[in-house]
């Protein structure tokens, strides 16, 4: 997992892992959720990847747009 930069200093995201058709996101409570193109939609998945790499806005985007659009809780 890649540490999330958390430039806002208020994000609940601590790390992420990007794959071609998915992103795994780890939150501060230790939960890891897997989002795929199928579960979240291709456009939202690509936005999540961009936000993760930028280190800003990922948690807010998930709350506002993706919500329960994960395919699995990995931990």
PDB file of N, CA and C in Angstrom:
ATOM      1  N   UNK A   1       0.851  -1.186   0.000  1.00  0.00           N
ATOM      2  CA  UNK A   1       0.000   0.000   0.000  1.00  0.00           C
ATOM      3  C   UNK A   1       0.893   1.244   0.000  1.00  0.00           C
ATOM      4  N   UNK A   2       0.408   2.245  -0.714  1.00  0.00           N
ATOM      5  CA  UNK A   2       1.099   3.530  -0.790  1.00  0.00           C
ATOM      6  C   UNK A   2       0.491   4.460   0.251  1.00  0.00           C
ATOM      7  N   UNK A   3       1.307   5.076   1.094  1.00  0.00           N
ATOM      8  CA  UNK A   3       0.746   6.025   2.060  1.00  0.00           C
ATOM      9  C   UNK A   3       0.055   7.187   1.341  1.00  0.00           C
ATOM     10  N   UNK A   4      -1.098   7.567   1.839  1.00  0.00           N
ATOM     11  CA  UNK A   4      -1.849   8.694   1.288  1.00  0.00           C
ATOM     12  C   UNK A   4      -1.254   9.982   1.834  1.00  0.00           C
ATOM     13  N   UNK A   5      -0.974  10.958   0.978  1.00  0.00           N
ATOM     14  CA  UNK A   5      -0.325  12.210   1.394  1.00  0.00           C
ATOM     15  C   UNK A   5      -1.166  13.026   2.364  1.00  0.00           C
ATOM     16  N   UNK A   6      -2.486  12.962   2.250  1.00  0.00           N
ATOM     17  CA  UNK A   6      -3.396  13.666   3.150  1.00  0.00           C
ATOM     18  C   UNK A   6      -3.026  15.143   3.296  1.00  0.00           C
ATOM     19  N   UNK A   7      -2.971  15.834   2.181  1.00  0.00           N
ATOM     20  CA  UNK A   7      -2.577  17.238   2.179  1.00  0.00           C
ATOM     21  C   UNK A   7      -3.528  18.133   2.960  1.00  0.00           C
ATOM     22  N   UNK A   8      -4.783  17.719   3.117  1.00  0.00           N
ATOM     23  CA  UNK A   8      -5.745  18.507   3.895  1.00  0.00           C
ATOM     24  C   UNK A   8      -5.580  18.285   5.393  1.00  0.00           C
ATOM     25  N   UNK A   9      -4.898  17.219   5.744  1.00  0.00           N
ATOM     26  CA  UNK A   9      -4.681  16.829   7.149  1.00  0.00           C
ATOM     27  C   UNK A   9      -5.968  16.433   7.867  1.00  0.00           C
ATOM     28  N   UNK A  10      -7.056  16.231   7.115  1.00  0.00           N
ATOM     29  CA  UNK A  10      -8.331  15.868   7.743  1.00  0.00           C
ATOM     30  C   UNK A  10      -8.924  14.586   7.186  1.00  0.00           C
ATOM     31  N   UNK A  11      -8.217  13.918   6.287  1.00  0.00           N
ATOM     32  CA  UNK A  11      -8.766  12.744   5.622  1.00  0.00           C
ATOM     33  C   UNK A  11      -8.768  11.521   6.520  1.00  0.00           C
ATOM     34  N   UNK A  12      -9.747  10.663   6.296  1.00  0.00           N
ATOM     35  CA  UNK A  12      -9.794   9.378   6.977  1.00  0.00           C
ATOM     36  C   UNK A  12      -9.021   8.307   6.225  1.00  0.00           C
ATOM     37  N   UNK A  13      -8.492   8.653   5.046  1.00  0.00           N
ATOM     38  CA  UNK A  13      -7.719   7.713   4.236  1.00  0.00           C
ATOM     39  C   UNK A  13      -6.266   7.735   4.688  1.00  0.00           C
ATOM     40  N   UNK A  14      -5.668   6.543   4.847  1.00  0.00           N
ATOM     41  CA  UNK A  14      -4.255   6.480   5.237  1.00  0.00           C
ATOM     42  C   UNK A  14      -3.373   5.852   4.165  1.00  0.00           C
ATOM     43  N   UNK A  15      -3.943   5.026   3.288  1.00  0.00           N
ATOM     44  CA  UNK A  15      -3.133   4.375   2.248  1.00  0.00           C
ATOM     45  C   UNK A  15      -4.043   3.889   1.126  1.00  0.00           C
ATOM     46  N   UNK A  16      -3.424   3.569  -0.009  1.00  0.00           N
ATOM     47  CA  UNK A  16      -4.177   3.070  -1.155  1.00  0.00           C
ATOM     48  C   UNK A  16      -3.270   2.202  -2.009  1.00  0.00           C
ATOM     49  N   UNK A  17      -3.885   1.390  -2.848  1.00  0.00           N
ATOM     50  CA  UNK A  17      -3.157   0.577  -3.820  1.00  0.00           C
ATOM     51  C   UNK A  17      -3.943   0.580  -5.120  1.00  0.00           C
ATOM     52  N   UNK A  18      -3.300   1.058  -6.171  1.00  0.00           N
ATOM     53  CA  UNK A  18      -3.943   1.173  -7.472  1.00  0.00           C
ATOM     54  C   UNK A  18      -3.568  -0.015  -8.350  1.00  0.00           C
ATOM     55  N   UNK A  19      -4.575  -0.580  -9.003  1.00  0.00           N
ATOM     56  CA  UNK A  19      -4.400  -1.616 -10.023  1.00  0.00           C
ATOM     57  C   UNK A  19      -5.152  -1.134 -11.264  1.00  0.00           C
ATOM     58  N   UNK A  20      -4.950  -1.761 -12.415  1.00  0.00           N
ATOM     59  CA  UNK A  20      -5.608  -1.270 -13.635  1.00  0.00           C
ATOM     60  C   UNK A  20      -7.124  -1.102 -13.523  1.00  0.00           C
ATOM     61  N   UNK A  21      -7.803  -2.036 -12.889  1.00  0.00           N
ATOM     62  CA  UNK A  21      -9.262  -1.969 -12.802  1.00  0.00           C
ATOM     63  C   UNK A  21      -9.790  -1.841 -11.381  1.00  0.00           C
ATOM     64  N   UNK A  22      -8.947  -1.378 -10.455  1.00  0.00           N
ATOM     65  CA  UNK A  22      -9.410  -1.256  -9.077  1.00  0.00           C
ATOM     66  C   UNK A  22      -8.512  -0.324  -8.267  1.00  0.00           C
ATOM     67  N   UNK A  23      -9.021   0.022  -7.101  1.00  0.00           N
ATOM     68  CA  UNK A  23      -8.232   0.715  -6.094  1.00  0.00           C
ATOM     69  C   UNK A  23      -8.652   0.177  -4.737  1.00  0.00           C
ATOM     70  N   UNK A  24      -7.683  -0.159  -3.920  1.00  0.00           N
ATOM     71  CA  UNK A  24      -7.944  -0.544  -2.534  1.00  0.00           C
ATOM     72  C   UNK A  24      -7.626   0.671  -1.680  1.00  0.00           C
ATOM     73  N   UNK A  25      -8.511   1.005  -0.766  1.00  0.00           N
ATOM     74  CA  UNK A  25      -8.345   2.185   0.075  1.00  0.00           C
ATOM     75  C   UNK A  25      -8.387   1.756   1.536  1.00  0.00           C
ATOM     76  N   UNK A  26      -7.349   2.141   2.268  1.00  0.00           N
ATOM     77  CA  UNK A  26      -7.296   1.858   3.707  1.00  0.00           C
ATOM     78  C   UNK A  26      -7.665   3.120   4.473  1.00  0.00           C
ATOM     79  N   UNK A  27      -8.575   2.951   5.424  1.00  0.00           N
ATOM     80  CA  UNK A  27      -9.026   4.062   6.249  1.00  0.00           C
ATOM     81  C   UNK A  27      -8.359   4.010   7.618  1.00  0.00           C
ATOM     82  N   UNK A  28      -8.441   5.099   8.363  1.00  0.00           N
ATOM     83  CA  UNK A  28      -7.737   5.199   9.633  1.00  0.00           C
ATOM     84  C   UNK A  28      -8.199   4.176  10.676  1.00  0.00           C
ATOM     85  N   UNK A  29      -9.379   3.612  10.500  1.00  0.00           N
ATOM     86  CA  UNK A  29      -9.845   2.575  11.437  1.00  0.00           C
ATOM     87  C   UNK A  29      -9.285   1.193  11.090  1.00  0.00           C
ATOM     88  N   UNK A  30      -8.454   1.114  10.032  1.00  0.00           N
ATOM     89  CA  UNK A  30      -7.853  -0.153   9.620  1.00  0.00           C
ATOM     90  C   UNK A  30      -8.629  -0.899   8.548  1.00  0.00           C
ATOM     91  N   UNK A  31      -9.841  -0.451   8.256  1.00  0.00           N
ATOM     92  CA  UNK A  31     -10.644  -1.107   7.216  1.00  0.00           C
ATOM     93  C   UNK A  31     -10.049  -0.822   5.841  1.00  0.00           C
ATOM     94  N   UNK A  32     -10.060  -1.837   4.997  1.00  0.00           N
ATOM     95  CA  UNK A  32      -9.611  -1.696   3.611  1.00  0.00           C
ATOM     96  C   UNK A  32     -10.759  -2.108   2.703  1.00  0.00           C
ATOM     97  N   UNK A  33     -11.125  -1.213   1.791  1.00  0.00           N
ATOM     98  CA  UNK A  33     -12.204  -1.471   0.855  1.00  0.00           C
ATOM     99  C   UNK A  33     -11.652  -1.509  -0.565  1.00  0.00           C
ATOM    100  N   UNK A  34     -12.163  -2.434  -1.350  1.00  0.00           N
ATOM    101  CA  UNK A  34     -11.765  -2.574  -2.742  1.00  0.00           C
ATOM    102  C   UNK A  34     -12.866  -2.025  -3.639  1.00  0.00           C
ATOM    103  N   UNK A  35     -12.512  -1.042  -4.444  1.00  0.00           N
ATOM    104  CA  UNK A  35     -13.429  -0.428  -5.404  1.00  0.00           C
ATOM    105  C   UNK A  35     -12.974  -0.840  -6.796  1.00  0.00           C
ATOM    106  N   UNK A  36     -13.907  -1.266  -7.634  1.00  0.00           N
ATOM    107  CA  UNK A  36     -13.578  -1.692  -8.994  1.00  0.00           C
ATOM    108  C   UNK A  36     -14.365  -0.857  -9.997  1.00  0.00           C
ATOM    109  N   UNK A  37     -13.985  -0.984 -11.259  1.00  0.00           N
ATOM    110  CA  UNK A  37     -14.723  -0.303 -12.318  1.00  0.00           C
ATOM    111  C   UNK A  37     -16.170  -0.795 -12.342  1.00  0.00           C
ATOM    112  N   UNK A  38     -16.348  -2.054 -12.063  1.00  0.00           N
ATOM    113  CA  UNK A  38     -17.693  -2.623 -12.058  1.00  0.00           C
ATOM    114  C   UNK A  38     -18.526  -2.131 -10.877  1.00  0.00           C
ATOM    115  N   UNK A  39     -17.922  -2.034  -9.706  1.00  0.00           N
ATOM    116  CA  UNK A  39     -18.699  -1.660  -8.515  1.00  0.00           C
ATOM    117  C   UNK A  39     -18.917  -0.159  -8.381  1.00  0.00           C
ATOM    118  N   UNK A  40     -17.922   0.638  -8.744  1.00  0.00           N
ATOM    119  CA  UNK A  40     -18.013   2.088  -8.562  1.00  0.00           C
ATOM    120  C   UNK A  40     -18.267   2.836  -9.860  1.00  0.00           C
ATOM    121  N   UNK A  41     -18.039   2.169 -10.986  1.00  0.00           N
ATOM    122  CA  UNK A  41     -18.136   2.840 -12.282  1.00  0.00           C
ATOM    123  C   UNK A  41     -16.756   3.291 -12.733  1.00  0.00           C
ATOM    124  N   UNK A  42     -16.492   3.169 -14.010  1.00  0.00           N
ATOM    125  CA  UNK A  42     -15.168   3.495 -14.557  1.00  0.00           C
ATOM    126  C   UNK A  42     -14.760   4.943 -14.273  1.00  0.00           C
ATOM    127  N   UNK A  43     -15.670   5.876 -14.492  1.00  0.00           N
ATOM    128  CA  UNK A  43     -15.353   7.292 -14.296  1.00  0.00           C
ATOM    129  C   UNK A  43     -14.994   7.595 -12.844  1.00  0.00           C
ATOM    130  N   UNK A  44     -15.813   7.103 -11.913  1.00  0.00           N
ATOM    131  CA  UNK A  44     -15.528   7.342 -10.495  1.00  0.00           C
ATOM    132  C   UNK A  44     -14.239   6.647 -10.076  1.00  0.00           C
ATOM    133  N   UNK A  45     -13.990   5.464 -10.596  1.00  0.00           N
ATOM    134  CA  UNK A  45     -12.746   4.761 -10.269  1.00  0.00           C
ATOM    135  C   UNK A  45     -11.536   5.570 -10.725  1.00  0.00           C
ATOM    136  N   UNK A  46     -11.579   6.093 -11.942  1.00  0.00           N
ATOM    137  CA  UNK A  46     -10.456   6.887 -12.443  1.00  0.00           C
ATOM    138  C   UNK A  46     -10.281   8.168 -11.633  1.00  0.00           C
ATOM    139  N   UNK A  47     -11.393   8.788 -11.229  1.00  0.00           N
ATOM    140  CA  UNK A  47     -11.308   9.970 -10.361  1.00  0.00           C
ATOM    141  C   UNK A  47     -10.661   9.615  -9.028  1.00  0.00           C
ATOM    142  N   UNK A  48     -11.025   8.470  -8.468  1.00  0.00           N
ATOM    143  CA  UNK A  48     -10.447   8.036  -7.190  1.00  0.00           C
ATOM    144  C   UNK A  48      -8.942   7.820  -7.325  1.00  0.00           C
ATOM    145  N   UNK A  49      -8.515   7.227  -8.426  1.00  0.00           N
ATOM    146  CA  UNK A  49      -7.084   7.016  -8.658  1.00  0.00           C
ATOM    147  C   UNK A  49      -6.343   8.348  -8.723  1.00  0.00           C
ATOM    148  N   UNK A  50      -6.906   9.308  -9.437  1.00  0.00           N
ATOM    149  CA  UNK A  50      -6.275  10.630  -9.553  1.00  0.00           C
ATOM    150  C   UNK A  50      -6.191  11.328  -8.199  1.00  0.00           C
ATOM    151  N   UNK A  51      -7.273  11.270  -7.437  1.00  0.00           N
ATOM    152  CA  UNK A  51      -7.290  11.910  -6.123  1.00  0.00           C
ATOM    153  C   UNK A  51      -6.320  11.229  -5.161  1.00  0.00           C
ATOM    154  N   UNK A  52      -6.227   9.911  -5.233  1.00  0.00           N
ATOM    155  CA  UNK A  52      -5.287   9.183  -4.382  1.00  0.00           C
ATOM    156  C   UNK A  52      -3.864   9.616  -4.676  1.00  0.00           C
ATOM    157  N   UNK A  53      -3.517   9.692  -5.947  1.00  0.00           N
ATOM    158  CA  UNK A  53      -2.162  10.101  -6.331  1.00  0.00           C
ATOM    159  C   UNK A  53      -1.879  11.544  -5.937  1.00  0.00           C
ATOM    160  N   UNK A  54      -2.886  12.399  -6.002  1.00  0.00           N
ATOM    161  CA  UNK A  54      -2.723  13.808  -5.639  1.00  0.00           C
ATOM    162  C   UNK A  54      -2.625  14.004  -4.129  1.00  0.00           C
ATOM    163  N   UNK A  55      -3.197  13.061  -3.362  1.00  0.00           N
ATOM    164  CA  UNK A  55      -3.165  13.175  -1.900  1.00  0.00           C
ATOM    165  C   UNK A  55      -4.175  14.138  -1.333  1.00  0.00           C
ATOM    166  N   UNK A  56      -5.220  14.415  -2.087  1.00  0.00           N
ATOM    167  CA  UNK A  56      -6.198  15.398  -1.641  1.00  0.00           C
ATOM    168  C   UNK A  56      -7.578  15.078  -2.211  1.00  0.00           C
ATOM    169  N   UNK A  57      -8.593  14.998  -1.344  1.00  0.00           N
ATOM    170  CA  UNK A  57      -9.974  14.885  -1.780  1.00  0.00           C
ATOM    171  C   UNK A  57     -10.545  13.487  -1.918  1.00  0.00           C
ATOM    172  N   UNK A  58      -9.751  12.454  -1.655  1.00  0.00           N
ATOM    173  CA  UNK A  58     -10.244  11.095  -1.875  1.00  0.00           C
ATOM    174  C   UNK A  58     -11.385  10.723  -0.931  1.00  0.00           C
ATOM    175  N   UNK A  59     -11.231  10.966   0.329  1.00  0.00           N
ATOM    176  CA  UNK A  59     -12.274  10.613   1.292  1.00  0.00           C
ATOM    177  C   UNK A  59     -13.578  11.355   0.997  1.00  0.00           C
ATOM    178  N   UNK A  60     -13.482  12.633   0.704  1.00  0.00           N
ATOM    179  CA  UNK A  60     -14.667  13.426   0.383  1.00  0.00           C
ATOM    180  C   UNK A  60     -15.349  12.896  -0.870  1.00  0.00           C
ATOM    181  N   UNK A  61     -14.566  12.551  -1.882  1.00  0.00           N
ATOM    182  CA  UNK A  61     -15.130  12.012  -3.114  1.00  0.00           C
ATOM    183  C   UNK A  61     -15.868  10.704  -2.848  1.00  0.00           C
ATOM    184  N   UNK A  62     -15.270   9.837  -2.049  1.00  0.00           N
ATOM    185  CA  UNK A  62     -15.919   8.563  -1.726  1.00  0.00           C
ATOM    186  C   UNK A  62     -17.246   8.809  -1.024  1.00  0.00           C
ATOM    187  N   UNK A  63     -17.257   9.690  -0.053  1.00  0.00           N
ATOM    188  CA  UNK A  63     -18.484   9.979   0.695  1.00  0.00           C
ATOM    189  C   UNK A  63     -19.558  10.580  -0.207  1.00  0.00           C
ATOM    190  N   UNK A  64     -19.171  11.500  -1.070  1.00  0.00           N
ATOM    191  CA  UNK A  64     -20.159  12.216  -1.895  1.00  0.00           C
ATOM    192  C   UNK A  64     -20.613  11.454  -3.140  1.00  0.00           C
ATOM    193  N   UNK A  65     -19.739  10.626  -3.710  1.00  0.00           N
ATOM    194  CA  UNK A  65     -20.064  10.036  -5.004  1.00  0.00           C
ATOM    195  C   UNK A  65     -20.114   8.507  -5.035  1.00  0.00           C
ATOM    196  N   UNK A  66     -19.274   7.862  -4.276  1.00  0.00           N
ATOM    197  CA  UNK A  66     -19.152   6.406  -4.386  1.00  0.00           C
ATOM    198  C   UNK A  66     -19.926   5.688  -3.289  1.00  0.00           C
ATOM    199  N   UNK A  67     -19.893   6.225  -2.116  1.00  0.00           N
ATOM    200  CA  UNK A  67     -20.578   5.681  -0.941  1.00  0.00           C
ATOM    201  C   UNK A  67     -20.325   4.187  -0.753  1.00  0.00           C
ATOM    202  N   UNK A  68     -21.326   3.374  -0.997  1.00  0.00           N
ATOM    203  CA  UNK A  68     -21.217   1.931  -0.776  1.00  0.00           C
ATOM    204  C   UNK A  68     -20.805   1.189  -2.054  1.00  0.00           C
ATOM    205  N   UNK A  69     -20.181   1.885  -2.992  1.00  0.00           N
ATOM    206  CA  UNK A  69     -19.835   1.284  -4.273  1.00  0.00           C
ATOM    207  C   UNK A  69     -18.547   0.474  -4.259  1.00  0.00           C
ATOM    208  N   UNK A  70     -18.306  -0.215  -3.169  1.00  0.00           N
ATOM    209  CA  UNK A  70     -17.129  -1.082  -3.103  1.00  0.00           C
ATOM    210  C   UNK A  70     -17.546  -2.509  -3.436  1.00  0.00           C
ATOM    211  N   UNK A  71     -16.575  -3.291  -3.872  1.00  0.00           N
ATOM    212  CA  UNK A  71     -16.877  -4.671  -4.221  1.00  0.00           C
ATOM    213  C   UNK A  71     -16.612  -5.615  -3.051  1.00  0.00           C
ATOM    214  N   UNK A  72     -15.689  -5.227  -2.162  1.00  0.00           N
ATOM    215  CA  UNK A  72     -15.383  -6.085  -1.012  1.00  0.00           C
ATOM    216  C   UNK A  72     -14.710  -5.276   0.083  1.00  0.00           C
ATOM    217  N   UNK A  73     -14.934  -5.729   1.309  1.00  0.00           N
ATOM    218  CA  UNK A  73     -14.154  -5.218   2.432  1.00  0.00           C
ATOM    219  C   UNK A  73     -13.064  -6.259   2.668  1.00  0.00           C
ATOM    220  N   UNK A  74     -11.827  -5.837   2.508  1.00  0.00           N
ATOM    221  CA  UNK A  74     -10.708  -6.763   2.611  1.00  0.00           C
ATOM    222  C   UNK A  74     -10.212  -6.936   4.050  1.00  0.00           C
ATOM    223  N   UNK A  75     -10.464  -5.930   4.866  1.00  0.00           N
ATOM    224  CA  UNK A  75     -10.077  -6.022   6.281  1.00  0.00           C
ATOM    225  C   UNK A  75     -10.920  -5.065   7.072  1.00  0.00           C
TER     226      UNK A  75
END
